[in-house]
N, C-alpha and C. Protein backbone atom coordinates (compact mmCIF):
# COMPACT_ATOMS: atom_id res chain seq x y z
N VAL A 1 -10.86 23.91 -44.12
CA VAL A 1 -11.31 23.12 -43.46
C VAL A 1 -11.25 21.62 -44.08
N HIS A 2 -10.85 20.55 -43.50
CA HIS A 2 -10.80 19.33 -44.12
C HIS A 2 -11.67 18.36 -43.57
N THR A 3 -12.46 17.58 -44.32
CA THR A 3 -13.55 16.67 -43.73
C THR A 3 -12.75 15.42 -44.25
N THR A 4 -12.81 14.25 -43.14
CA THR A 4 -12.29 12.96 -43.64
C THR A 4 -13.25 12.22 -44.42
N LYS A 5 -12.65 11.08 -45.19
CA LYS A 5 -13.25 10.47 -46.24
C LYS A 5 -14.58 10.04 -45.83
N HIS A 6 -14.97 9.53 -44.76
CA HIS A 6 -16.33 9.08 -44.46
C HIS A 6 -17.11 10.17 -43.67
N GLY A 7 -16.52 11.38 -43.47
CA GLY A 7 -17.29 12.43 -42.98
C GLY A 7 -17.50 12.39 -41.49
N LEU A 8 -16.63 11.56 -40.65
CA LEU A 8 -16.73 11.55 -39.22
C LEU A 8 -16.01 12.45 -38.55
N MET A 9 -15.00 13.27 -39.19
CA MET A 9 -14.12 14.22 -38.45
C MET A 9 -14.05 15.39 -39.49
N ARG A 10 -13.80 16.68 -39.04
CA ARG A 10 -13.70 17.71 -39.60
C ARG A 10 -12.31 18.41 -38.94
N VAL A 11 -11.32 18.78 -39.58
CA VAL A 11 -10.05 19.37 -39.03
C VAL A 11 -10.20 20.94 -39.44
N PHE A 12 -9.95 21.87 -38.51
CA PHE A 12 -10.37 23.22 -38.85
C PHE A 12 -8.57 23.77 -38.35
N GLN A 13 -8.45 24.83 -39.53
CA GLN A 13 -7.08 25.51 -39.14
C GLN A 13 -7.34 26.80 -38.53
N VAL A 14 -6.77 26.97 -37.44
CA VAL A 14 -7.11 28.27 -36.63
C VAL A 14 -6.15 29.43 -37.26
N MET A 15 -6.90 30.53 -37.82
CA MET A 15 -6.19 31.56 -38.32
C MET A 15 -6.17 32.76 -37.65
N ASN A 16 -5.24 33.66 -37.97
CA ASN A 16 -5.21 34.88 -37.35
C ASN A 16 -5.01 34.82 -35.74
N VAL A 17 -4.21 34.04 -35.29
CA VAL A 17 -4.06 33.94 -33.75
C VAL A 17 -3.51 35.17 -33.15
N SER A 18 -3.85 35.57 -32.22
CA SER A 18 -3.60 36.95 -31.32
C SER A 18 -2.25 36.67 -30.73
N GLN A 19 -1.54 37.69 -30.43
CA GLN A 19 -0.18 37.44 -29.86
C GLN A 19 -0.41 37.13 -28.45
N GLU A 20 -1.59 37.65 -27.98
CA GLU A 20 -1.69 37.29 -26.35
C GLU A 20 -1.95 35.77 -26.45
N SER A 21 -2.60 35.18 -27.32
CA SER A 21 -2.86 33.54 -27.05
C SER A 21 -1.57 32.88 -27.30
N LYS A 22 -0.61 33.62 -28.24
CA LYS A 22 0.71 32.79 -28.45
C LYS A 22 1.53 32.99 -27.45
N ASP A 23 1.47 34.17 -26.53
CA ASP A 23 2.29 34.44 -25.34
C ASP A 23 1.81 33.39 -24.24
N TRP A 24 0.43 33.24 -24.32
CA TRP A 24 -0.07 32.41 -23.26
C TRP A 24 0.45 30.83 -23.31
N VAL A 25 0.40 30.58 -24.65
CA VAL A 25 0.87 29.07 -24.80
C VAL A 25 2.14 28.92 -24.61
N ALA A 26 2.81 29.88 -24.78
CA ALA A 26 4.60 29.78 -24.65
C ALA A 26 4.81 29.92 -23.25
N ASN A 27 3.86 30.16 -22.26
CA ASN A 27 4.47 30.30 -20.95
C ASN A 27 4.33 28.89 -20.49
N PRO A 28 5.52 28.48 -19.69
CA PRO A 28 5.65 27.07 -19.07
C PRO A 28 4.70 26.90 -18.07
N ALA A 29 4.06 28.00 -17.24
CA ALA A 29 3.18 27.88 -16.22
C ALA A 29 1.88 27.31 -16.73
N ASN A 30 1.71 27.40 -17.91
CA ASN A 30 0.40 27.00 -18.56
C ASN A 30 0.22 25.53 -19.23
N ARG A 31 1.25 24.72 -18.81
CA ARG A 31 1.48 23.41 -19.29
C ARG A 31 1.18 22.47 -17.99
N GLU A 32 0.57 21.35 -18.38
CA GLU A 32 0.36 20.28 -17.39
C GLU A 32 1.39 19.08 -17.59
N CYS A 33 2.42 19.10 -17.09
CA CYS A 33 3.34 18.06 -17.39
C CYS A 33 3.16 16.82 -16.46
N ASP A 34 3.60 15.67 -16.74
CA ASP A 34 3.44 14.53 -15.92
C ASP A 34 4.63 14.81 -14.64
N ALA A 35 5.71 15.29 -14.90
CA ALA A 35 6.58 15.37 -14.05
C ALA A 35 7.44 16.71 -14.22
N PRO A 36 7.95 17.39 -13.25
CA PRO A 36 8.47 18.80 -13.47
C PRO A 36 9.85 18.54 -14.52
N GLY A 37 9.91 19.30 -15.64
CA GLY A 37 10.93 19.24 -16.48
C GLY A 37 10.83 18.15 -17.49
N SER A 38 9.84 17.36 -17.52
CA SER A 38 9.35 16.39 -18.40
C SER A 38 9.27 16.79 -19.67
N TRP A 39 9.51 15.95 -20.70
CA TRP A 39 9.24 16.21 -22.10
C TRP A 39 7.86 15.97 -22.52
N TYR A 40 7.07 15.35 -21.65
CA TYR A 40 5.70 14.86 -21.94
C TYR A 40 4.80 15.95 -21.21
N CYS A 41 4.25 16.92 -21.93
CA CYS A 41 3.27 18.19 -21.34
C CYS A 41 2.10 18.03 -22.22
N VAL A 42 0.87 17.96 -21.58
CA VAL A 42 -0.33 17.92 -22.08
C VAL A 42 -0.81 19.40 -22.58
N GLY A 43 -0.71 20.07 -21.77
CA GLY A 43 -0.93 21.63 -21.96
C GLY A 43 -2.41 21.93 -21.84
N LYS A 44 -2.85 23.20 -21.99
CA LYS A 44 -4.22 23.53 -21.94
C LYS A 44 -4.52 24.50 -23.19
N TYR A 45 -5.80 24.81 -23.43
CA TYR A 45 -6.23 25.76 -24.40
C TYR A 45 -6.00 27.06 -23.81
N PRO A 46 -5.73 28.04 -24.66
CA PRO A 46 -5.82 29.71 -24.18
C PRO A 46 -7.24 29.85 -23.89
N PRO A 47 -7.21 30.99 -22.89
CA PRO A 47 -8.65 31.35 -22.42
C PRO A 47 -9.59 31.77 -23.53
N ALA A 48 -9.10 32.31 -24.67
CA ALA A 48 -9.76 32.75 -25.81
C ALA A 48 -10.78 31.85 -26.39
N LEU A 49 -10.15 30.54 -26.39
CA LEU A 49 -10.94 29.56 -26.98
C LEU A 49 -12.13 28.84 -25.86
N GLU A 50 -12.16 29.43 -24.80
CA GLU A 50 -13.17 28.81 -23.59
C GLU A 50 -14.53 28.75 -24.22
N LYS A 51 -15.07 29.77 -25.05
CA LYS A 51 -16.61 29.67 -25.48
C LYS A 51 -16.46 28.63 -26.44
N LEU A 52 -15.63 28.47 -27.36
CA LEU A 52 -15.72 27.42 -28.46
C LEU A 52 -15.54 25.99 -27.87
N ILE A 53 -14.92 25.80 -26.78
CA ILE A 53 -14.64 24.62 -26.30
C ILE A 53 -15.94 24.00 -25.40
N ALA A 54 -16.54 25.18 -24.83
CA ALA A 54 -17.89 24.95 -24.09
C ALA A 54 -18.98 24.35 -24.93
N LYS A 55 -18.74 24.60 -26.19
CA LYS A 55 -20.00 24.15 -27.18
C LYS A 55 -19.56 22.83 -27.79
N ARG A 56 -18.54 22.17 -27.57
CA ARG A 56 -18.20 21.13 -28.15
C ARG A 56 -18.93 19.93 -27.62
N LYS A 57 -19.16 18.80 -28.48
CA LYS A 57 -19.66 17.74 -28.01
C LYS A 57 -18.80 16.52 -28.10
N ASN A 58 -18.48 15.91 -27.14
CA ASN A 58 -17.42 14.76 -27.02
C ASN A 58 -18.13 13.67 -27.70
N PHE A 59 -17.24 12.65 -28.46
CA PHE A 59 -17.69 11.57 -28.96
C PHE A 59 -17.84 10.52 -27.92
N ALA A 60 -18.69 9.60 -28.19
CA ALA A 60 -18.74 8.48 -27.18
C ALA A 60 -18.71 7.29 -27.89
N GLN A 61 -17.99 6.15 -27.54
CA GLN A 61 -17.73 4.77 -28.27
C GLN A 61 -19.05 4.25 -28.32
N LEU A 62 -19.56 3.65 -29.34
CA LEU A 62 -20.86 3.07 -29.51
C LEU A 62 -21.01 1.74 -28.57
N GLU A 63 -20.12 1.10 -28.24
CA GLU A 63 -20.19 -0.14 -27.24
C GLU A 63 -19.38 0.05 -26.11
N ASP A 64 -19.73 1.44 -25.26
CA ASP A 64 -18.97 1.54 -24.10
C ASP A 64 -19.69 1.04 -23.10
N PHE A 65 -19.18 -0.13 -22.47
CA PHE A 65 -20.05 -0.75 -21.44
C PHE A 65 -19.98 -0.10 -19.88
N ASN A 66 -18.89 0.75 -19.91
CA ASN A 66 -18.79 1.67 -18.68
C ASN A 66 -19.72 2.69 -18.59
N LYS A 67 -20.22 3.26 -19.85
CA LYS A 67 -21.25 4.11 -19.76
C LYS A 67 -22.50 3.99 -19.00
N VAL A 68 -22.96 4.87 -18.36
CA VAL A 68 -24.17 4.94 -17.51
C VAL A 68 -25.35 5.40 -18.47
N SER A 69 -26.19 4.48 -18.60
CA SER A 69 -27.44 4.88 -19.52
C SER A 69 -28.71 4.22 -19.13
N SER A 70 -29.68 4.83 -19.56
CA SER A 70 -30.99 4.10 -19.28
C SER A 70 -31.40 3.50 -20.32
N LYS A 71 -32.47 2.64 -20.16
CA LYS A 71 -32.94 1.63 -21.09
C LYS A 71 -33.82 2.52 -22.04
N SER A 72 -33.63 1.83 -23.36
CA SER A 72 -34.51 2.57 -24.29
C SER A 72 -36.00 2.27 -24.09
N ALA A 73 -36.77 3.12 -24.58
CA ALA A 73 -38.15 2.86 -24.51
C ALA A 73 -38.67 1.53 -24.94
N TYR A 74 -38.16 1.21 -26.06
CA TYR A 74 -38.48 -0.19 -26.73
C TYR A 74 -38.18 -1.23 -25.85
N SER A 75 -36.85 -1.17 -25.19
CA SER A 75 -36.37 -2.10 -24.32
C SER A 75 -37.24 -2.28 -23.05
N ARG A 76 -37.69 -1.36 -22.52
CA ARG A 76 -38.79 -1.09 -21.38
C ARG A 76 -39.93 -1.65 -21.87
N MET A 77 -40.49 -1.62 -22.88
CA MET A 77 -41.78 -1.93 -23.38
C MET A 77 -41.77 -3.73 -23.63
N VAL A 78 -40.62 -4.16 -24.06
CA VAL A 78 -40.38 -5.49 -24.24
C VAL A 78 -40.40 -6.28 -23.03
N GLU A 79 -39.50 -5.79 -21.94
CA GLU A 79 -39.41 -6.23 -20.84
C GLU A 79 -40.91 -6.12 -19.95
N LYS A 80 -41.52 -5.10 -20.02
CA LYS A 80 -42.91 -5.08 -19.46
C LYS A 80 -43.78 -6.19 -20.11
N GLN A 81 -43.93 -6.39 -21.38
CA GLN A 81 -44.78 -7.34 -22.08
C GLN A 81 -44.24 -8.95 -21.37
N GLN A 82 -42.94 -8.99 -21.12
CA GLN A 82 -42.35 -10.25 -20.71
C GLN A 82 -42.64 -10.41 -19.17
N GLY A 83 -43.03 -9.39 -18.59
CA GLY A 83 -43.27 -9.54 -17.09
C GLY A 83 -41.87 -9.41 -16.23
N ARG A 84 -40.90 -8.80 -16.85
CA ARG A 84 -39.63 -8.85 -16.09
C ARG A 84 -39.54 -7.54 -15.10
N ILE A 85 -40.35 -6.56 -15.52
CA ILE A 85 -40.19 -5.27 -14.50
C ILE A 85 -41.69 -4.95 -14.18
N SER A 86 -41.83 -4.18 -12.92
CA SER A 86 -42.97 -3.86 -12.52
C SER A 86 -43.24 -2.34 -13.36
N SER A 87 -44.60 -1.92 -13.08
CA SER A 87 -44.86 -0.69 -13.94
C SER A 87 -44.19 0.43 -12.96
N ASP A 88 -43.82 0.36 -11.65
CA ASP A 88 -43.09 1.46 -11.05
C ASP A 88 -41.69 1.63 -11.41
N GLU A 89 -40.97 0.70 -12.08
CA GLU A 89 -39.55 0.83 -12.55
C GLU A 89 -39.47 1.72 -13.72
N MET A 90 -40.62 1.79 -14.47
CA MET A 90 -40.58 2.40 -15.60
C MET A 90 -40.62 3.86 -15.45
């Protein structure tokens, strides 16, 4: 395991990969290419990793303005004190 300088990312080396997973990855039918025969193929993870991938938590950019989120309790309190929102919007 390698941890980056500021501890924001950890890189794991997968060891003891089964032959079944290697065969699955080598099969061209399991690749998602942008065009048939293209050099750029994103690919997919083998089915054996589905449990691990299901537990992952994707990182979000701190200032992602397209992200839908609710206001914090502090923001709602300040707006209520300033009379900007009614009590039924909370």
